[in-house]
């Protein structure tokens, strides 16, 4: 795969970005806020890892639009329980 087509994500950076971009009401209990942020972080982290794995198994040497669509479809259809 050409380096310019390499879409691998850094799971930690991706998860941090997701958590930072998500707004949680200050009216919630502090523990509830932390639990929500932790859930978001872990979900984003493992989803990024899964994306990277799928990219490695889905793409050929020169990925085309159909391969990108196939990757997105796999991400859409699969849940954590399927992994």
Protein backbone atom coordinates (compact mmCIF):
# COMPACT_ATOMS: atom_id res chain seq x y z
CA UNK A 1 0.00 0.00 0.00
CA UNK A 2 1.23 3.42 -0.91
CA UNK A 3 2.11 5.52 2.16
CA UNK A 4 -0.29 8.26 1.04
CA UNK A 5 -3.16 5.73 1.14
CA UNK A 6 -2.24 4.50 4.61
CA UNK A 7 -5.13 5.47 6.83
CA UNK A 8 -3.97 3.76 10.00
CA UNK A 9 -5.06 5.60 13.11
CA UNK A 10 -3.14 6.13 16.30
CA UNK A 11 -5.72 4.63 18.69
CA UNK A 12 -4.69 6.75 21.68
CA UNK A 13 -4.72 10.05 19.76
CA UNK A 14 -8.01 9.15 18.10
CA UNK A 15 -9.62 8.30 21.44
CA UNK A 16 -8.36 11.53 23.00
CA UNK A 17 -9.79 13.52 20.10
CA UNK A 18 -13.18 11.83 20.48
CA UNK A 19 -13.29 12.50 24.23
CA UNK A 20 -12.24 16.13 23.81
CA UNK A 21 -14.86 16.75 21.15
CA UNK A 22 -17.75 15.26 23.14
CA UNK A 23 -19.78 17.58 25.34
CA UNK A 24 -21.15 16.26 28.63
CA UNK A 25 -23.58 18.24 30.77
CA UNK A 26 -22.01 19.75 33.88
CA UNK A 27 -25.26 19.02 35.66
CA UNK A 28 -24.48 15.32 35.78
CA UNK A 29 -22.85 13.66 38.74
CA UNK A 30 -19.03 13.89 38.38
CA UNK A 31 -18.70 10.11 38.47
CA UNK A 32 -21.26 9.79 35.67
CA UNK A 33 -19.29 12.29 33.59
CA UNK A 34 -16.05 10.36 34.10
CA UNK A 35 -17.72 7.04 33.30
CA UNK A 36 -19.15 8.48 30.09
CA UNK A 37 -15.77 9.89 29.05
CA UNK A 38 -14.04 6.60 29.87
CA UNK A 39 -16.61 4.67 27.86
CA UNK A 40 -16.05 7.02 24.92
CA UNK A 41 -12.28 6.72 25.21
CA UNK A 42 -12.29 2.93 25.31
CA UNK A 43 -14.83 2.62 22.51
CA UNK A 44 -12.89 5.01 20.28
CA UNK A 45 -9.57 3.32 21.11
CA UNK A 46 -10.74 -0.17 20.24
CA UNK A 47 -12.66 1.00 17.20
CA UNK A 48 -9.47 2.63 15.87
CA UNK A 49 -7.58 -0.61 16.47
CA UNK A 50 -10.28 -2.55 14.66
CA UNK A 51 -10.20 -0.09 11.77
CA UNK A 52 -6.45 -0.60 11.46
CA UNK A 53 -6.87 -4.39 11.44
CA UNK A 54 -9.60 -4.24 8.84
CA UNK A 55 -7.53 -1.90 6.68
CA UNK A 56 -4.66 -4.40 6.73
CA UNK A 57 -6.91 -7.29 5.69
CA UNK A 58 -9.23 -5.44 3.28
CA UNK A 59 -6.88 -3.43 1.11
CA UNK A 60 -4.74 -4.68 -1.73
CA UNK A 61 -1.45 -3.15 -2.81
CA UNK A 62 -3.31 -0.35 -4.63
CA UNK A 63 -6.64 0.19 -2.86
CA UNK A 64 -9.56 1.50 -4.88
CA UNK A 65 -12.87 3.10 -4.01
CA UNK A 66 -14.61 -0.29 -3.76
CA UNK A 67 -12.12 -1.45 -1.13
CA UNK A 68 -12.70 1.71 0.93
CA UNK A 69 -16.45 1.12 0.72
CA UNK A 70 -15.97 -2.52 1.78
CA UNK A 71 -13.93 -1.38 4.79
CA UNK A 72 -16.58 1.12 5.86
CA UNK A 73 -19.29 -1.49 5.44
CA UNK A 74 -17.42 -3.93 7.69
CA UNK A 75 -17.06 -1.24 10.35
CA UNK A 76 -20.74 -0.40 10.09
CA UNK A 77 -21.93 -4.00 10.35
CA UNK A 78 -19.63 -5.34 13.05
CA UNK A 79 -20.04 -4.73 16.78
CA UNK A 80 -17.57 -5.32 19.60
CA UNK A 81 -19.30 -8.62 20.37
CA UNK A 82 -18.41 -9.80 16.84
CA UNK A 83 -14.65 -9.25 17.28
